[in-house]
N, C-alpha and C. Protein backbone atom coordinates (compact mmCIF):
# COMPACT_ATOMS: atom_id res chain seq x y z
N UNK A 1 -13.53 19.44 43.59
CA UNK A 1 -12.44 19.97 42.81
C UNK A 1 -11.50 20.87 43.61
N UNK A 2 -11.97 21.65 44.60
CA UNK A 2 -11.05 22.53 45.33
C UNK A 2 -9.95 21.74 46.04
N UNK A 3 -10.23 20.51 46.46
CA UNK A 3 -9.20 19.72 47.15
C UNK A 3 -8.08 19.32 46.19
N UNK A 4 -8.36 19.18 44.93
CA UNK A 4 -7.33 18.83 43.96
C UNK A 4 -6.31 19.96 43.83
N UNK A 5 -6.76 21.21 43.89
CA UNK A 5 -5.85 22.35 43.81
C UNK A 5 -4.94 22.42 45.02
N UNK A 6 -5.47 22.11 46.21
CA UNK A 6 -4.67 22.15 47.43
C UNK A 6 -3.62 21.03 47.41
N UNK A 7 -4.00 19.86 46.92
CA UNK A 7 -3.06 18.75 46.82
C UNK A 7 -1.96 19.03 45.82
N UNK A 8 -2.31 19.68 44.76
CA UNK A 8 -1.34 20.02 43.71
C UNK A 8 -0.30 21.01 44.23
N UNK A 9 -0.72 21.98 45.04
CA UNK A 9 0.23 22.95 45.57
C UNK A 9 1.18 22.30 46.57
N UNK A 10 0.69 21.34 47.34
CA UNK A 10 1.56 20.63 48.27
C UNK A 10 2.61 19.82 47.52
N UNK A 11 2.21 19.17 46.45
CA UNK A 11 3.14 18.37 45.64
C UNK A 11 4.23 19.25 45.04
N UNK A 12 3.90 20.49 44.71
CA UNK A 12 4.90 21.39 44.14
C UNK A 12 5.93 21.82 45.18
N UNK A 13 5.63 21.72 46.48
CA UNK A 13 6.57 22.08 47.53
C UNK A 13 7.51 20.93 47.91
N UNK A 14 7.19 19.71 47.51
CA UNK A 14 8.01 18.55 47.87
C UNK A 14 9.46 18.70 47.40
N UNK A 15 9.76 19.11 46.17
CA UNK A 15 11.16 19.28 45.79
C UNK A 15 11.89 20.33 46.64
N UNK A 16 11.21 21.40 46.99
CA UNK A 16 11.80 22.44 47.83
C UNK A 16 12.12 21.89 49.22
N UNK A 17 11.22 21.10 49.76
CA UNK A 17 11.44 20.48 51.07
C UNK A 17 12.61 19.51 51.00
N UNK A 18 12.68 18.72 49.96
CA UNK A 18 13.79 17.77 49.80
C UNK A 18 15.12 18.49 49.68
N UNK A 19 15.17 19.60 48.95
CA UNK A 19 16.40 20.38 48.82
C UNK A 19 16.84 20.90 50.18
N UNK A 20 15.90 21.41 50.98
CA UNK A 20 16.23 21.89 52.31
C UNK A 20 16.79 20.77 53.19
N UNK A 21 16.18 19.59 53.13
CA UNK A 21 16.65 18.45 53.93
C UNK A 21 18.08 18.07 53.52
N UNK A 22 18.35 18.04 52.22
CA UNK A 22 19.70 17.70 51.74
C UNK A 22 20.70 18.76 52.22
N UNK A 23 20.36 20.03 52.09
CA UNK A 23 21.25 21.10 52.57
C UNK A 23 21.51 20.97 54.06
N UNK A 24 20.48 20.65 54.83
CA UNK A 24 20.64 20.52 56.27
C UNK A 24 21.65 19.42 56.61
N UNK A 25 21.50 18.25 56.00
CA UNK A 25 22.37 17.13 56.36
C UNK A 25 23.76 17.22 55.73
N UNK A 26 23.90 17.90 54.61
CA UNK A 26 25.21 17.98 53.96
C UNK A 26 26.00 19.24 54.32
N UNK A 27 25.33 20.32 54.70
CA UNK A 27 26.03 21.57 54.95
C UNK A 27 25.85 22.09 56.38
N UNK A 28 24.63 22.27 56.80
CA UNK A 28 24.36 22.95 58.07
C UNK A 28 24.78 22.10 59.26
N UNK A 29 24.35 20.87 59.30
CA UNK A 29 24.64 20.01 60.46
C UNK A 29 26.13 19.76 60.64
N UNK A 30 26.90 19.41 59.60
CA UNK A 30 28.34 19.23 59.80
C UNK A 30 29.05 20.51 60.26
N UNK A 31 28.60 21.66 59.76
CA UNK A 31 29.22 22.92 60.16
C UNK A 31 28.94 23.20 61.64
N UNK A 32 27.74 22.92 62.10
CA UNK A 32 27.42 23.11 63.51
C UNK A 32 28.24 22.17 64.39
N UNK A 33 28.43 20.95 63.95
CA UNK A 33 29.22 19.98 64.70
C UNK A 33 30.67 20.43 64.78
N UNK A 34 31.22 20.93 63.67
CA UNK A 34 32.60 21.40 63.65
C UNK A 34 32.78 22.62 64.57
N UNK A 35 31.82 23.53 64.57
CA UNK A 35 31.89 24.71 65.43
C UNK A 35 31.84 24.30 66.90
N UNK A 36 31.02 23.32 67.22
CA UNK A 36 30.92 22.83 68.59
C UNK A 36 32.23 22.19 69.04
N UNK A 37 32.85 21.39 68.16
CA UNK A 37 34.13 20.76 68.48
C UNK A 37 35.23 21.81 68.68
N UNK A 38 35.24 22.86 67.83
CA UNK A 38 36.25 23.91 67.96
C UNK A 38 36.07 24.67 69.27
N UNK A 39 34.82 24.94 69.65
CA UNK A 39 34.56 25.63 70.91
C UNK A 39 35.03 24.78 72.09
N UNK A 40 34.81 23.48 72.02
CA UNK A 40 35.27 22.57 73.08
C UNK A 40 36.79 22.58 73.14
N UNK A 41 37.46 22.59 71.99
CA UNK A 41 38.93 22.67 71.93
C UNK A 41 39.41 23.95 72.61
N UNK A 42 38.77 25.08 72.31
CA UNK A 42 39.18 26.35 72.92
C UNK A 42 38.97 26.34 74.43
N UNK A 43 37.90 25.70 74.89
CA UNK A 43 37.65 25.61 76.33
C UNK A 43 38.66 24.72 77.03
N UNK A 44 39.22 23.74 76.32
CA UNK A 44 40.14 22.77 76.92
C UNK A 44 41.61 23.19 76.83
N UNK A 45 41.90 24.39 76.33
CA UNK A 45 43.28 24.84 76.22
C UNK A 45 43.93 24.93 77.60
N UNK A 46 45.22 24.59 77.66
CA UNK A 46 45.96 24.71 78.92
C UNK A 46 47.41 25.04 78.62
N UNK A 47 48.12 25.51 79.60
CA UNK A 47 49.53 25.86 79.43
C UNK A 47 50.32 24.64 78.98
N UNK A 48 51.24 24.88 78.06
CA UNK A 48 52.07 23.80 77.54
C UNK A 48 51.57 23.23 76.22
N UNK A 49 50.32 23.49 75.87
CA UNK A 49 49.79 23.01 74.58
C UNK A 49 50.48 23.73 73.43
N UNK A 50 50.79 23.00 72.38
CA UNK A 50 51.34 23.60 71.17
C UNK A 50 50.17 23.82 70.21
N UNK A 51 50.05 25.06 69.71
CA UNK A 51 48.90 25.41 68.88
C UNK A 51 49.35 26.23 67.68
N UNK A 52 48.41 26.38 66.75
CA UNK A 52 48.61 27.22 65.57
C UNK A 52 47.48 28.24 65.56
N UNK A 53 47.82 29.51 65.33
CA UNK A 53 46.80 30.55 65.27
C UNK A 53 46.19 30.59 63.87
N UNK A 54 45.11 31.31 63.72
CA UNK A 54 44.48 31.46 62.42
C UNK A 54 45.38 32.22 61.46
N UNK A 55 46.33 32.99 62.00
CA UNK A 55 47.29 33.71 61.17
C UNK A 55 48.49 32.86 60.79
N UNK A 56 48.56 31.62 61.30
CA UNK A 56 49.64 30.71 60.93
C UNK A 56 50.82 30.72 61.88
N UNK A 57 50.71 31.37 63.02
CA UNK A 57 51.80 31.41 63.99
C UNK A 57 51.76 30.15 64.84
N UNK A 58 52.91 29.47 64.92
CA UNK A 58 53.04 28.28 65.76
C UNK A 58 53.61 28.72 67.10
N UNK A 59 53.06 28.20 68.19
CA UNK A 59 53.58 28.56 69.49
C UNK A 59 53.11 27.63 70.58
N UNK A 60 53.70 27.82 71.75
CA UNK A 60 53.36 27.05 72.94
C UNK A 60 52.66 27.98 73.92
N UNK A 61 51.56 27.54 74.46
CA UNK A 61 50.80 28.36 75.39
C UNK A 61 51.57 28.48 76.70
N UNK A 62 51.79 29.73 77.14
CA UNK A 62 52.45 29.96 78.42
C UNK A 62 51.53 30.63 79.43
N UNK A 63 50.44 31.20 78.97
CA UNK A 63 49.49 31.84 79.88
C UNK A 63 48.11 31.89 79.27
N UNK A 64 47.09 31.85 80.13
CA UNK A 64 45.70 31.86 79.67
C UNK A 64 44.86 32.76 80.57
N UNK A 65 43.95 33.51 79.96
CA UNK A 65 42.87 34.16 80.68
C UNK A 65 41.58 33.77 79.97
N UNK A 66 40.48 34.39 80.35
CA UNK A 66 39.20 34.07 79.71
C UNK A 66 39.22 34.38 78.22
N UNK A 67 39.90 35.47 77.81
CA UNK A 67 39.84 35.90 76.42
C UNK A 67 41.19 35.99 75.74
N UNK A 68 42.30 35.92 76.50
CA UNK A 68 43.63 36.12 75.92
C UNK A 68 44.50 34.90 76.18
N UNK A 69 45.28 34.53 75.16
CA UNK A 69 46.24 33.44 75.26
C UNK A 69 47.63 34.03 75.01
N UNK A 70 48.57 33.71 75.89
CA UNK A 70 49.95 34.13 75.69
C UNK A 70 50.71 32.96 75.08
N UNK A 71 51.31 33.20 73.91
CA UNK A 71 52.06 32.17 73.19
C UNK A 71 53.53 32.50 73.20
N UNK A 72 54.35 31.49 73.41
CA UNK A 72 55.79 31.64 73.23
C UNK A 72 56.10 31.12 71.83
N UNK A 73 56.53 32.03 70.95
CA UNK A 73 56.76 31.65 69.56
C UNK A 73 58.24 31.41 69.28
N UNK A 74 59.11 31.85 70.17
CA UNK A 74 60.55 31.59 70.12
C UNK A 74 61.04 31.74 71.55
N UNK A 75 62.27 31.39 71.79
CA UNK A 75 62.79 31.47 73.15
C UNK A 75 62.71 32.92 73.63
N UNK A 76 62.01 33.11 74.74
CA UNK A 76 61.81 34.42 75.37
C UNK A 76 61.08 35.42 74.48
N UNK A 77 60.32 34.96 73.49
CA UNK A 77 59.49 35.83 72.66
C UNK A 77 58.05 35.39 72.85
N UNK A 78 57.26 36.29 73.47
CA UNK A 78 55.86 35.94 73.76
C UNK A 78 54.94 36.96 73.10
N UNK A 79 53.83 36.46 72.60
CA UNK A 79 52.80 37.32 72.02
C UNK A 79 51.46 36.97 72.67
N UNK A 80 50.60 37.98 72.76
CA UNK A 80 49.26 37.74 73.28
C UNK A 80 48.29 37.78 72.11
N UNK A 81 47.44 36.77 72.03
CA UNK A 81 46.42 36.70 70.99
C UNK A 81 45.08 36.39 71.64
N UNK A 82 44.04 36.72 70.94
CA UNK A 82 42.70 36.40 71.40
C UNK A 82 42.51 34.88 71.41
N UNK A 83 41.80 34.39 72.38
CA UNK A 83 41.55 32.94 72.45
C UNK A 83 40.86 32.45 71.18
N UNK A 84 40.00 33.27 70.61
CA UNK A 84 39.29 32.87 69.39
C UNK A 84 40.21 32.83 68.17
N UNK A 85 41.42 33.37 68.27
CA UNK A 85 42.37 33.35 67.16
C UNK A 85 43.14 32.03 67.07
N UNK A 86 42.95 31.14 68.04
CA UNK A 86 43.60 29.84 68.01
C UNK A 86 42.83 28.95 67.06
N UNK A 87 43.54 28.43 66.03
CA UNK A 87 42.86 27.64 65.01
C UNK A 87 42.84 26.15 65.34
N UNK A 88 43.99 25.60 65.73
CA UNK A 88 44.05 24.16 65.91
C UNK A 88 45.28 23.79 66.74
N UNK A 89 45.30 22.56 67.24
CA UNK A 89 46.52 22.09 67.91
C UNK A 89 47.58 21.80 66.86
N UNK A 90 48.82 21.92 67.27
CA UNK A 90 49.91 21.57 66.36
C UNK A 90 50.06 20.06 66.42
N UNK A 91 49.71 19.39 65.33
CA UNK A 91 49.73 17.93 65.32
C UNK A 91 51.10 17.41 64.90
N UNK A 92 51.30 16.13 65.04
CA UNK A 92 52.58 15.51 64.72
C UNK A 92 52.91 15.62 63.23
N UNK A 93 51.89 15.64 62.36
CA UNK A 93 52.16 15.70 60.93
C UNK A 93 52.28 17.14 60.41
N UNK A 94 52.12 18.14 61.31
CA UNK A 94 52.30 19.53 60.90
C UNK A 94 53.79 19.85 60.99
N UNK A 95 54.38 20.38 59.91
CA UNK A 95 55.80 20.69 59.98
C UNK A 95 56.06 21.79 61.01
N UNK A 96 57.04 21.57 61.86
CA UNK A 96 57.39 22.55 62.88
C UNK A 96 58.17 23.69 62.23
N UNK A 97 58.06 24.89 62.79
CA UNK A 97 58.84 25.99 62.23
C UNK A 97 60.32 25.75 62.44
N UNK A 98 61.12 26.24 61.50
CA UNK A 98 62.58 26.04 61.58
C UNK A 98 63.13 26.80 62.79
N UNK A 99 64.00 26.14 63.54
CA UNK A 99 64.60 26.77 64.72
C UNK A 99 65.92 27.44 64.31
N UNK A 100 66.12 28.62 64.85
CA UNK A 100 67.35 29.36 64.53
C UNK A 100 68.54 28.72 65.26
N UNK A 101 69.64 28.62 64.59
CA UNK A 101 70.84 28.05 65.19
C UNK A 101 71.66 29.19 65.80
N UNK A 102 72.22 28.89 66.98
CA UNK A 102 73.14 29.86 67.56
C UNK A 102 72.53 30.55 68.64
């Protein structure tokens, strides 16, 4: 009879184990993959790339160090931001900021 109690407790853990497996494949694993891809993107940055910061600033990279990126956001206007503040590349379907005339 004692073995029946041990088997019963294992069966009660099966739903908990299944929930963990589902969470791993639907939430944890994709998030780790996305973080790895973003880190690779940050490592591959180079001068001339057009990027968008996490704050929504569009700019072209004019200078790079290990931790700082210099962006040109308008003609002769440069800002320095942390490399980790770069969110994504500026893609073709992202609307470009309006350019001032004159």
